[in-house]
Amino acid sequence: MVRRLRHNQDGVVFVTVLMVIIVMMVLATSITSMNVSQVKTAESEVQRIQAELLAAGTLALTYTDQQAPTPTGVFTYQESLDGITYTMTSTMNTSNSGVFQTDDL
């Protein structure tokens, strides 16, 4: 009986396959988690770049408006990108001509 137990290898393949499946599941879960994290980071970077470019565009529009024969003291611009509404407002400082104040985005 002892001899039979020593050479009994029934189930070794099952245990090995089970271990391989568990390792593969852990690897797949970690890779998926990393991909989700990268997507979130990329989305926030795109939103930051969009806001920065809209602010730069608003600055150019404000400058153009101030060069007009009858400039307005306040310039407001609103744009919606990917479901996010950006509102930019620039105000000309009348106490010191040529100096602009802008609100934070």
PDB file of N, CA and C in Angstrom:
ATOM      1  N   MET A   1       0.817  -1.185   0.000  1.00  0.00           N
ATOM      2  CA  MET A   1       0.000   0.000   0.000  1.00  0.00           C
ATOM      3  C   MET A   1       0.867   1.257   0.000  1.00  0.00           C
ATOM      4  N   VAL A   2       1.948   1.275   0.760  1.00  0.00           N
ATOM      5  CA  VAL A   2       2.840   2.421   0.805  1.00  0.00           C
ATOM      6  C   VAL A   2       3.478   2.640  -0.565  1.00  0.00           C
ATOM      7  N   ARG A   3       3.834   1.558  -1.217  1.00  0.00           N
ATOM      8  CA  ARG A   3       4.417   1.654  -2.536  1.00  0.00           C
ATOM      9  C   ARG A   3       3.433   2.284  -3.530  1.00  0.00           C
ATOM     10  N   ARG A   4       2.196   1.926  -3.413  1.00  0.00           N
ATOM     11  CA  ARG A   4       1.172   2.448  -4.311  1.00  0.00           C
ATOM     12  C   ARG A   4       0.965   3.951  -4.091  1.00  0.00           C
ATOM     13  N   LEU A   5       1.046   4.417  -2.850  1.00  0.00           N
ATOM     14  CA  LEU A   5       0.879   5.840  -2.565  1.00  0.00           C
ATOM     15  C   LEU A   5       2.060   6.660  -3.081  1.00  0.00           C
ATOM     16  N   ARG A   6       3.247   6.106  -3.039  1.00  0.00           N
ATOM     17  CA  ARG A   6       4.423   6.825  -3.529  1.00  0.00           C
ATOM     18  C   ARG A   6       4.368   7.074  -5.028  1.00  0.00           C
ATOM     19  N   HIS A   7       3.884   6.173  -5.756  1.00  0.00           N
ATOM     20  CA  HIS A   7       3.853   6.282  -7.213  1.00  0.00           C
ATOM     21  C   HIS A   7       2.501   6.747  -7.743  1.00  0.00           C
ATOM     22  N   ASN A   8       1.622   7.153  -6.864  1.00  0.00           N
ATOM     23  CA  ASN A   8       0.303   7.617  -7.288  1.00  0.00           C
ATOM     24  C   ASN A   8       0.418   9.077  -7.727  1.00  0.00           C
ATOM     25  N   GLN A   9       0.248   9.324  -9.001  1.00  0.00           N
ATOM     26  CA  GLN A   9       0.344  10.684  -9.514  1.00  0.00           C
ATOM     27  C   GLN A   9      -0.972  11.121 -10.145  1.00  0.00           C
ATOM     28  N   ASP A  10      -2.046  10.482  -9.763  1.00  0.00           N
ATOM     29  CA  ASP A  10      -3.359  10.892 -10.259  1.00  0.00           C
ATOM     30  C   ASP A  10      -3.660  12.293  -9.726  1.00  0.00           C
ATOM     31  N   GLY A  11      -4.076  13.181 -10.587  1.00  0.00           N
ATOM     32  CA  GLY A  11      -4.447  14.533 -10.166  1.00  0.00           C
ATOM     33  C   GLY A  11      -3.325  15.549 -10.258  1.00  0.00           C
ATOM     34  N   VAL A  12      -2.110  15.136 -10.563  1.00  0.00           N
ATOM     35  CA  VAL A  12      -0.996  16.083 -10.666  1.00  0.00           C
ATOM     36  C   VAL A  12      -1.227  17.043 -11.828  1.00  0.00           C
ATOM     37  N   VAL A  13      -1.703  16.536 -12.923  1.00  0.00           N
ATOM     38  CA  VAL A  13      -1.967  17.377 -14.092  1.00  0.00           C
ATOM     39  C   VAL A  13      -3.076  18.372 -13.775  1.00  0.00           C
ATOM     40  N   PHE A  14      -4.101  17.924 -13.084  1.00  0.00           N
ATOM     41  CA  PHE A  14      -5.214  18.805 -12.716  1.00  0.00           C
ATOM     42  C   PHE A  14      -4.721  19.962 -11.842  1.00  0.00           C
ATOM     43  N   VAL A  15      -3.918  19.650 -10.842  1.00  0.00           N
ATOM     44  CA  VAL A  15      -3.398  20.686  -9.947  1.00  0.00           C
ATOM     45  C   VAL A  15      -2.491  21.645 -10.712  1.00  0.00           C
ATOM     46  N   THR A  16      -1.670  21.124 -11.603  1.00  0.00           N
ATOM     47  CA  THR A  16      -0.778  21.971 -12.398  1.00  0.00           C
ATOM     48  C   THR A  16      -1.573  22.909 -13.302  1.00  0.00           C
ATOM     49  N   VAL A  17      -2.569  22.378 -13.971  1.00  0.00           N
ATOM     50  CA  VAL A  17      -3.413  23.201 -14.844  1.00  0.00           C
ATOM     51  C   VAL A  17      -4.154  24.250 -14.025  1.00  0.00           C
ATOM     52  N   LEU A  18      -4.628  23.881 -12.863  1.00  0.00           N
ATOM     53  CA  LEU A  18      -5.326  24.822 -11.984  1.00  0.00           C
ATOM     54  C   LEU A  18      -4.396  25.960 -11.565  1.00  0.00           C
ATOM     55  N   MET A  19      -3.162  25.649 -11.229  1.00  0.00           N
ATOM     56  CA  MET A  19      -2.184  26.677 -10.842  1.00  0.00           C
ATOM     57  C   MET A  19      -1.885  27.614 -12.017  1.00  0.00           C
ATOM     58  N   VAL A  20      -1.736  27.050 -13.208  1.00  0.00           N
ATOM     59  CA  VAL A  20      -1.468  27.874 -14.389  1.00  0.00           C
ATOM     60  C   VAL A  20      -2.640  28.807 -14.656  1.00  0.00           C
ATOM     61  N   ILE A  21      -3.852  28.326 -14.529  1.00  0.00           N
ATOM     62  CA  ILE A  21      -5.043  29.156 -14.746  1.00  0.00           C
ATOM     63  C   ILE A  21      -5.091  30.292 -13.732  1.00  0.00           C
ATOM     64  N   ILE A  22      -4.788  30.002 -12.486  1.00  0.00           N
ATOM     65  CA  ILE A  22      -4.808  31.040 -11.448  1.00  0.00           C
ATOM     66  C   ILE A  22      -3.757  32.111 -11.735  1.00  0.00           C
ATOM     67  N   VAL A  23      -2.569  31.701 -12.125  1.00  0.00           N
ATOM     68  CA  VAL A  23      -1.511  32.667 -12.451  1.00  0.00           C
ATOM     69  C   VAL A  23      -1.923  33.529 -13.640  1.00  0.00           C
ATOM     70  N   MET A  24      -2.508  32.924 -14.653  1.00  0.00           N
ATOM     71  CA  MET A  24      -2.959  33.678 -15.827  1.00  0.00           C
ATOM     72  C   MET A  24      -4.057  34.672 -15.463  1.00  0.00           C
ATOM     73  N   MET A  25      -4.958  34.291 -14.582  1.00  0.00           N
ATOM     74  CA  MET A  25      -6.024  35.202 -14.154  1.00  0.00           C
ATOM     75  C   MET A  25      -5.452  36.401 -13.402  1.00  0.00           C
ATOM     76  N   VAL A  26      -4.468  36.165 -12.548  1.00  0.00           N
ATOM     77  CA  VAL A  26      -3.838  37.269 -11.817  1.00  0.00           C
ATOM     78  C   VAL A  26      -3.138  38.214 -12.786  1.00  0.00           C
ATOM     79  N   LEU A  27      -2.425  37.673 -13.756  1.00  0.00           N
ATOM     80  CA  LEU A  27      -1.755  38.510 -14.753  1.00  0.00           C
ATOM     81  C   LEU A  27      -2.756  39.306 -15.587  1.00  0.00           C
ATOM     82  N   ALA A  28      -3.828  38.676 -16.009  1.00  0.00           N
ATOM     83  CA  ALA A  28      -4.846  39.365 -16.811  1.00  0.00           C
ATOM     84  C   ALA A  28      -5.490  40.491 -16.010  1.00  0.00           C
ATOM     85  N   THR A  29      -5.759  40.250 -14.740  1.00  0.00           N
ATOM     86  CA  THR A  29      -6.367  41.274 -13.889  1.00  0.00           C
ATOM     87  C   THR A  29      -5.426  42.464 -13.714  1.00  0.00           C
ATOM     88  N   SER A  30      -4.161  42.203 -13.496  1.00  0.00           N
ATOM     89  CA  SER A  30      -3.216  43.309 -13.309  1.00  0.00           C
ATOM     90  C   SER A  30      -3.024  44.106 -14.595  1.00  0.00           C
ATOM     91  N   ILE A  31      -2.981  43.435 -15.732  1.00  0.00           N
ATOM     92  CA  ILE A  31      -2.838  44.141 -17.009  1.00  0.00           C
ATOM     93  C   ILE A  31      -4.076  44.989 -17.294  1.00  0.00           C
ATOM     94  N   THR A  32      -5.250  44.465 -17.011  1.00  0.00           N
ATOM     95  CA  THR A  32      -6.485  45.225 -17.201  1.00  0.00           C
ATOM     96  C   THR A  32      -6.502  46.454 -16.305  1.00  0.00           C
ATOM     97  N   SER A  33      -6.076  46.299 -15.079  1.00  0.00           N
ATOM     98  CA  SER A  33      -6.026  47.419 -14.144  1.00  0.00           C
ATOM     99  C   SER A  33      -5.078  48.507 -14.636  1.00  0.00           C
ATOM    100  N   MET A  34      -3.935  48.117 -15.156  1.00  0.00           N
ATOM    101  CA  MET A  34      -2.982  49.095 -15.686  1.00  0.00           C
ATOM    102  C   MET A  34      -3.568  49.830 -16.890  1.00  0.00           C
ATOM    103  N   ASN A  35      -4.270  49.123 -17.757  1.00  0.00           N
ATOM    104  CA  ASN A  35      -4.866  49.755 -18.935  1.00  0.00           C
ATOM    105  C   ASN A  35      -5.935  50.759 -18.545  1.00  0.00           C
ATOM    106  N   VAL A  36      -6.761  50.418 -17.568  1.00  0.00           N
ATOM    107  CA  VAL A  36      -7.802  51.343 -17.106  1.00  0.00           C
ATOM    108  C   VAL A  36      -7.161  52.603 -16.539  1.00  0.00           C
ATOM    109  N   SER A  37      -6.101  52.439 -15.783  1.00  0.00           N
ATOM    110  CA  SER A  37      -5.389  53.584 -15.210  1.00  0.00           C
ATOM    111  C   SER A  37      -4.815  54.477 -16.308  1.00  0.00           C
ATOM    112  N   GLN A  38      -4.259  53.893 -17.333  1.00  0.00           N
ATOM    113  CA  GLN A  38      -3.694  54.676 -18.435  1.00  0.00           C
ATOM    114  C   GLN A  38      -4.778  55.427 -19.201  1.00  0.00           C
ATOM    115  N   VAL A  39      -5.937  54.815 -19.376  1.00  0.00           N
ATOM    116  CA  VAL A  39      -7.039  55.480 -20.073  1.00  0.00           C
ATOM    117  C   VAL A  39      -7.507  56.692 -19.276  1.00  0.00           C
ATOM    118  N   LYS A  40      -7.642  56.546 -17.967  1.00  0.00           N
ATOM    119  CA  LYS A  40      -8.070  57.672 -17.128  1.00  0.00           C
ATOM    120  C   LYS A  40      -7.051  58.802 -17.173  1.00  0.00           C
ATOM    121  N   THR A  41      -5.781  58.467 -17.136  1.00  0.00           N
ATOM    122  CA  THR A  41      -4.733  59.485 -17.207  1.00  0.00           C
ATOM    123  C   THR A  41      -4.773  60.205 -18.552  1.00  0.00           C
ATOM    124  N   ALA A  42      -4.962  59.466 -19.624  1.00  0.00           N
ATOM    125  CA  ALA A  42      -5.019  60.069 -20.958  1.00  0.00           C
ATOM    126  C   ALA A  42      -6.225  60.991 -21.092  1.00  0.00           C
ATOM    127  N   GLU A  43      -7.366  60.598 -20.537  1.00  0.00           N
ATOM    128  CA  GLU A  43      -8.562  61.439 -20.608  1.00  0.00           C
ATOM    129  C   GLU A  43      -8.349  62.756 -19.872  1.00  0.00           C
ATOM    130  N   SER A  44      -7.754  62.706 -18.695  1.00  0.00           N
ATOM    131  CA  SER A  44      -7.524  63.946 -17.948  1.00  0.00           C
ATOM    132  C   SER A  44      -6.505  64.834 -18.662  1.00  0.00           C
ATOM    133  N   GLU A  45      -5.531  64.238 -19.311  1.00  0.00           N
ATOM    134  CA  GLU A  45      -4.543  65.018 -20.066  1.00  0.00           C
ATOM    135  C   GLU A  45      -5.196  65.697 -21.273  1.00  0.00           C
ATOM    136  N   VAL A  46      -6.092  65.000 -21.947  1.00  0.00           N
ATOM    137  CA  VAL A  46      -6.811  65.589 -23.085  1.00  0.00           C
ATOM    138  C   VAL A  46      -7.653  66.771 -22.616  1.00  0.00           C
ATOM    139  N   GLN A  47      -8.344  66.625 -21.485  1.00  0.00           N
ATOM    140  CA  GLN A  47      -9.158  67.726 -20.959  1.00  0.00           C
ATOM    141  C   GLN A  47      -8.289  68.926 -20.589  1.00  0.00           C
ATOM    142  N   ARG A  48      -7.122  68.682 -20.012  1.00  0.00           N
ATOM    143  CA  ARG A  48      -6.225  69.774 -19.648  1.00  0.00           C
ATOM    144  C   ARG A  48      -5.741  70.517 -20.894  1.00  0.00           C
ATOM    145  N   ILE A  49      -5.381  69.767 -21.933  1.00  0.00           N
ATOM    146  CA  ILE A  49      -4.900  70.389 -23.169  1.00  0.00           C
ATOM    147  C   ILE A  49      -6.019  71.181 -23.837  1.00  0.00           C
ATOM    148  N   GLN A  50      -7.248  70.634 -23.842  1.00  0.00           N
ATOM    149  CA  GLN A  50      -8.377  71.355 -24.423  1.00  0.00           C
ATOM    150  C   GLN A  50      -8.611  72.672 -23.693  1.00  0.00           C
ATOM    151  N   ALA A  51      -8.587  72.643 -22.364  1.00  0.00           N
ATOM    152  CA  ALA A  51      -8.802  73.860 -21.584  1.00  0.00           C
ATOM    153  C   ALA A  51      -7.700  74.878 -21.849  1.00  0.00           C
ATOM    154  N   GLU A  52      -6.468  74.415 -21.946  1.00  0.00           N
ATOM    155  CA  GLU A  52      -5.345  75.321 -22.200  1.00  0.00           C
ATOM    156  C   GLU A  52      -5.461  75.975 -23.575  1.00  0.00           C
ATOM    157  N   LEU A  53      -5.814  75.196 -24.590  1.00  0.00           N
ATOM    158  CA  LEU A  53      -5.944  75.755 -25.937  1.00  0.00           C
ATOM    159  C   LEU A  53      -7.130  76.706 -26.043  1.00  0.00           C
ATOM    160  N   LEU A  54      -8.225  76.382 -25.362  1.00  0.00           N
ATOM    161  CA  LEU A  54      -9.368  77.300 -25.364  1.00  0.00           C
ATOM    162  C   LEU A  54      -9.012  78.615 -24.675  1.00  0.00           C
ATOM    163  N   ALA A  55      -8.253  78.540 -23.598  1.00  0.00           N
ATOM    164  CA  ALA A  55      -7.831  79.761 -22.908  1.00  0.00           C
ATOM    165  C   ALA A  55      -6.928  80.604 -23.803  1.00  0.00           C
ATOM    166  N   ALA A  56      -6.019  79.963 -24.517  1.00  0.00           N
ATOM    167  CA  ALA A  56      -5.138  80.697 -25.430  1.00  0.00           C
ATOM    168  C   ALA A  56      -5.948  81.330 -26.563  1.00  0.00           C
ATOM    169  N   GLY A  57      -6.928  80.603 -27.069  1.00  0.00           N
ATOM    170  CA  GLY A  57      -7.795  81.151 -28.111  1.00  0.00           C
ATOM    171  C   GLY A  57      -8.615  82.325 -27.616  1.00  0.00           C
ATOM    172  N   THR A  58      -9.090  82.234 -26.385  1.00  0.00           N
ATOM    173  CA  THR A  58      -9.856  83.335 -25.803  1.00  0.00           C
ATOM    174  C   THR A  58      -8.977  84.562 -25.620  1.00  0.00           C
ATOM    175  N   LEU A  59      -7.734  84.349 -25.247  1.00  0.00           N
ATOM    176  CA  LEU A  59      -6.804  85.472 -25.116  1.00  0.00           C
ATOM    177  C   LEU A  59      -6.621  86.171 -26.461  1.00  0.00           C
ATOM    178  N   ALA A  60      -6.505  85.399 -27.527  1.00  0.00           N
ATOM    179  CA  ALA A  60      -6.375  85.989 -28.863  1.00  0.00           C
ATOM    180  C   ALA A  60      -7.647  86.737 -29.251  1.00  0.00           C
ATOM    181  N   LEU A  61      -8.810  86.164 -28.939  1.00  0.00           N
ATOM    182  CA  LEU A  61     -10.073  86.852 -29.236  1.00  0.00           C
ATOM    183  C   LEU A  61     -10.200  88.138 -28.429  1.00  0.00           C
ATOM    184  N   THR A  62      -9.770  88.112 -27.185  1.00  0.00           N
ATOM    185  CA  THR A  62      -9.824  89.306 -26.343  1.00  0.00           C
ATOM    186  C   THR A  62      -8.908  90.387 -26.905  1.00  0.00           C
ATOM    187  N   TYR A  63      -7.717  89.998 -27.305  1.00  0.00           N
ATOM    188  CA  TYR A  63      -6.778  90.960 -27.887  1.00  0.00           C
ATOM    189  C   TYR A  63      -7.365  91.576 -29.157  1.00  0.00           C
ATOM    190  N   THR A  64      -7.962  90.742 -29.997  1.00  0.00           N
ATOM    191  CA  THR A  64      -8.585  91.236 -31.226  1.00  0.00           C
ATOM    192  C   THR A  64      -9.734  92.179 -30.910  1.00  0.00           C
ATOM    193  N   ASP A  65     -10.530  91.833 -29.906  1.00  0.00           N
ATOM    194  CA  ASP A  65     -11.653  92.681 -29.508  1.00  0.00           C
ATOM    195  C   ASP A  65     -11.156  94.039 -29.010  1.00  0.00           C
ATOM    196  N   GLN A  66     -10.049  94.059 -28.303  1.00  0.00           N
ATOM    197  CA  GLN A  66      -9.526  95.320 -27.769  1.00  0.00           C
ATOM    198  C   GLN A  66      -8.934  96.205 -28.864  1.00  0.00           C
ATOM    199  N   GLN A  67      -8.608  95.615 -30.009  1.00  0.00           N
ATOM    200  CA  GLN A  67      -8.080  96.397 -31.124  1.00  0.00           C
ATOM    201  C   GLN A  67      -9.197  97.015 -31.964  1.00  0.00           C
ATOM    202  N   ALA A  68     -10.439  96.627 -31.685  1.00  0.00           N
ATOM    203  CA  ALA A  68     -11.585  97.146 -32.441  1.00  0.00           C
ATOM    204  C   ALA A  68     -11.785  98.628 -32.115  1.00  0.00           C
ATOM    205  N   PRO A  69     -12.469  99.359 -33.016  1.00  0.00           N
ATOM    206  CA  PRO A  69     -12.714 100.791 -32.760  1.00  0.00           C
ATOM    207  C   PRO A  69     -13.503 101.029 -31.463  1.00  0.00           C
ATOM    208  N   THR A  70     -14.426 100.129 -31.146  1.00  0.00           N
ATOM    209  CA  THR A  70     -15.192 100.263 -29.898  1.00  0.00           C
ATOM    210  C   THR A  70     -15.034  98.976 -29.096  1.00  0.00           C
ATOM    211  N   PRO A  71     -13.959  98.833 -28.355  1.00  0.00           N
ATOM    212  CA  PRO A  71     -13.736  97.588 -27.609  1.00  0.00           C
ATOM    213  C   PRO A  71     -14.685  97.465 -26.422  1.00  0.00           C
ATOM    214  N   THR A  72     -15.000  96.251 -26.099  1.00  0.00           N
ATOM    215  CA  THR A  72     -15.803  95.996 -24.905  1.00  0.00           C
ATOM    216  C   THR A  72     -14.847  95.764 -23.746  1.00  0.00           C
ATOM    217  N   GLY A  73     -15.277  96.104 -22.550  1.00  0.00           N
ATOM    218  CA  GLY A  73     -14.413  95.933 -21.382  1.00  0.00           C
ATOM    219  C   GLY A  73     -14.329  94.493 -20.923  1.00  0.00           C
ATOM    220  N   VAL A  74     -15.398  93.733 -21.189  1.00  0.00           N
ATOM    221  CA  VAL A  74     -15.451  92.341 -20.736  1.00  0.00           C
ATOM    222  C   VAL A  74     -15.729  91.456 -21.943  1.00  0.00           C
ATOM    223  N   PHE A  75     -15.002  90.370 -22.037  1.00  0.00           N
ATOM    224  CA  PHE A  75     -15.204  89.423 -23.132  1.00  0.00           C
ATOM    225  C   PHE A  75     -15.432  88.048 -22.532  1.00  0.00           C
ATOM    226  N   THR A  76     -16.549  87.423 -22.891  1.00  0.00           N
ATOM    227  CA  THR A  76     -16.875  86.090 -22.382  1.00  0.00           C
ATOM    228  C   THR A  76     -17.027  85.140 -23.560  1.00  0.00           C
ATOM    229  N   TYR A  77     -16.437  83.968 -23.418  1.00  0.00           N
ATOM    230  CA  TYR A  77     -16.503  82.950 -24.468  1.00  0.00           C
ATOM    231  C   TYR A  77     -16.827  81.618 -23.814  1.00  0.00           C
ATOM    232  N   GLN A  78     -17.764  80.895 -24.411  1.00  0.00           N
ATOM    233  CA  GLN A  78     -18.175  79.602 -23.858  1.00  0.00           C
ATOM    234  C   GLN A  78     -18.127  78.548 -24.958  1.00  0.00           C
ATOM    235  N   GLU A  79     -17.552  77.406 -24.624  1.00  0.00           N
ATOM    236  CA  GLU A  79     -17.407  76.306 -25.586  1.00  0.00           C
ATOM    237  C   GLU A  79     -17.671  74.993 -24.870  1.00  0.00           C
ATOM    238  N   SER A  80     -18.341  74.075 -25.564  1.00  0.00           N
ATOM    239  CA  SER A  80     -18.612  72.754 -24.998  1.00  0.00           C
ATOM    240  C   SER A  80     -17.863  71.703 -25.811  1.00  0.00           C
ATOM    241  N   LEU A  81     -17.009  70.937 -25.129  1.00  0.00           N
ATOM    242  CA  LEU A  81     -16.239  69.875 -25.775  1.00  0.00           C
ATOM    243  C   LEU A  81     -16.428  68.582 -25.004  1.00  0.00           C
ATOM    244  N   ASP A  82     -16.844  67.549 -25.685  1.00  0.00           N
ATOM    245  CA  ASP A  82     -17.017  66.225 -25.072  1.00  0.00           C
ATOM    246  C   ASP A  82     -17.893  66.268 -23.825  1.00  0.00           C
ATOM    247  N   GLY A  83     -18.927  67.088 -23.862  1.00  0.00           N
ATOM    248  CA  GLY A  83     -19.856  67.148 -22.735  1.00  0.00           C
ATOM    249  C   GLY A  83     -19.392  68.022 -21.585  1.00  0.00           C
ATOM    250  N   ILE A  84     -18.254  68.671 -21.708  1.00  0.00           N
ATOM    251  CA  ILE A  84     -17.746  69.563 -20.664  1.00  0.00           C
ATOM    252  C   ILE A  84     -17.815  70.985 -21.200  1.00  0.00           C
ATOM    253  N   THR A  85     -18.456  71.870 -20.442  1.00  0.00           N
ATOM    254  CA  THR A  85     -18.594  73.255 -20.863  1.00  0.00           C
ATOM    255  C   THR A  85     -17.480  74.085 -20.236  1.00  0.00           C
ATOM    256  N   TYR A  86     -16.732  74.765 -21.073  1.00  0.00           N
ATOM    257  CA  TYR A  86     -15.667  75.657 -20.633  1.00  0.00           C
ATOM    258  C   TYR A  86     -16.153  77.090 -20.831  1.00  0.00           C
ATOM    259  N   THR A  87     -16.032  77.917 -19.817  1.00  0.00           N
ATOM    260  CA  THR A  87     -16.409  79.321 -19.908  1.00  0.00           C
ATOM    261  C   THR A  87     -15.184  80.163 -19.584  1.00  0.00           C
ATOM    262  N   MET A  88     -14.804  81.020 -20.513  1.00  0.00           N
ATOM    263  CA  MET A  88     -13.661  81.895 -20.316  1.00  0.00           C
ATOM    264  C   MET A  88     -14.158  83.330 -20.300  1.00  0.00           C
ATOM    265  N   THR A  89     -13.720  84.100 -19.310  1.00  0.00           N
ATOM    266  CA  THR A  89     -14.092  85.502 -19.197  1.00  0.00           C
ATOM    267  C   THR A  89     -12.826  86.316 -19.006  1.00  0.00           C
ATOM    268  N   SER A  90     -12.652  87.337 -19.830  1.00  0.00           N
ATOM    269  CA  SER A  90     -11.506  88.233 -19.652  1.00  0.00           C
ATOM    270  C   SER A  90     -12.033  89.650 -19.468  1.00  0.00           C
ATOM    271  N   THR A  91     -11.399  90.371 -18.567  1.00  0.00           N
ATOM    272  CA  THR A  91     -11.810  91.728 -18.237  1.00  0.00           C
ATOM    273  C   THR A  91     -10.618  92.652 -18.428  1.00  0.00           C
ATOM    274  N   MET A  92     -10.844  93.753 -19.133  1.00  0.00           N
ATOM    275  CA  MET A  92      -9.762  94.706 -19.321  1.00  0.00           C
ATOM    276  C   MET A  92      -9.655  95.575 -18.083  1.00  0.00           C
ATOM    277  N   ASN A  93      -8.450  95.677 -17.573  1.00  0.00           N
ATOM    278  CA  ASN A  93      -8.186  96.513 -16.411  1.00  0.00           C
ATOM    279  C   ASN A  93      -8.077  97.957 -16.893  1.00  0.00           C
ATOM    280  N   THR A  94      -9.057  98.784 -16.547  1.00  0.00           N
ATOM    281  CA  THR A  94      -9.086 100.156 -17.059  1.00  0.00           C
ATOM    282  C   THR A  94      -8.099 101.063 -16.336  1.00  0.00           C
ATOM    283  N   SER A  95      -7.623 100.666 -15.169  1.00  0.00           N
ATOM    284  CA  SER A  95      -6.687 101.515 -14.437  1.00  0.00           C
ATOM    285  C   SER A  95      -5.291 101.489 -15.055  1.00  0.00           C
ATOM    286  N   ASN A  96      -4.985 100.450 -15.778  1.00  0.00           N
ATOM    287  CA  ASN A  96      -3.660 100.310 -16.382  1.00  0.00           C
ATOM    288  C   ASN A  96      -3.867  99.734 -17.779  1.00  0.00           C
ATOM    289  N   SER A  97      -3.922 100.583 -18.795  1.00  0.00           N
ATOM    290  CA  SER A  97      -4.295 100.125 -20.130  1.00  0.00           C
ATOM    291  C   SER A  97      -3.337  99.058 -20.646  1.00  0.00           C
ATOM    292  N   GLY A  98      -3.914  98.078 -21.304  1.00  0.00           N
ATOM    293  CA  GLY A  98      -3.134  97.006 -21.884  1.00  0.00           C
ATOM    294  C   GLY A  98      -2.927  95.823 -20.965  1.00  0.00           C
ATOM    295  N   VAL A  99      -3.367  95.912 -19.721  1.00  0.00           N
ATOM    296  CA  VAL A  99      -3.208  94.801 -18.786  1.00  0.00           C
ATOM    297  C   VAL A  99      -4.538  94.083 -18.670  1.00  0.00           C
ATOM    298  N   PHE A 100      -4.527  92.783 -18.816  1.00  0.00           N
ATOM    299  CA  PHE A 100      -5.743  91.995 -18.778  1.00  0.00           C
ATOM    300  C   PHE A 100      -5.781  91.156 -17.519  1.00  0.00           C
ATOM    301  N   GLN A 101      -6.979  90.962 -17.006  1.00  0.00           N
ATOM    302  CA  GLN A 101      -7.194  90.041 -15.899  1.00  0.00           C
ATOM    303  C   GLN A 101      -8.061  88.915 -16.426  1.00  0.00           C
ATOM    304  N   THR A 102      -7.716  87.700 -16.115  1.00  0.00           N
ATOM    305  CA  THR A 102      -8.523  86.565 -16.552  1.00  0.00           C
ATOM    306  C   THR A 102      -8.916  85.734 -15.353  1.00  0.00           C
ATOM    307  N   ASP A 103     -10.121  85.177 -15.419  1.00  0.00           N
ATOM    308  CA  ASP A 103     -10.590  84.291 -14.362  1.00  0.00           C
ATOM    309  C   ASP A 103      -9.958  82.927 -14.546  1.00  0.00           C
ATOM    310  N   ASP A 104      -9.819  82.196 -13.444  1.00  0.00           N
ATOM    311  CA  ASP A 104      -9.322  80.827 -13.532  1.00  0.00           C
ATOM    312  C   ASP A 104     -10.337  79.971 -14.258  1.00  0.00           C
ATOM    313  N   LEU A 105      -9.861  78.973 -14.974  1.00  0.00           N
ATOM    314  CA  LEU A 105     -10.755  78.054 -15.684  1.00  0.00           C
ATOM    315  C   LEU A 105     -11.385  77.108 -14.725  1.00  0.00           C
TER     316      LEU A 105
END
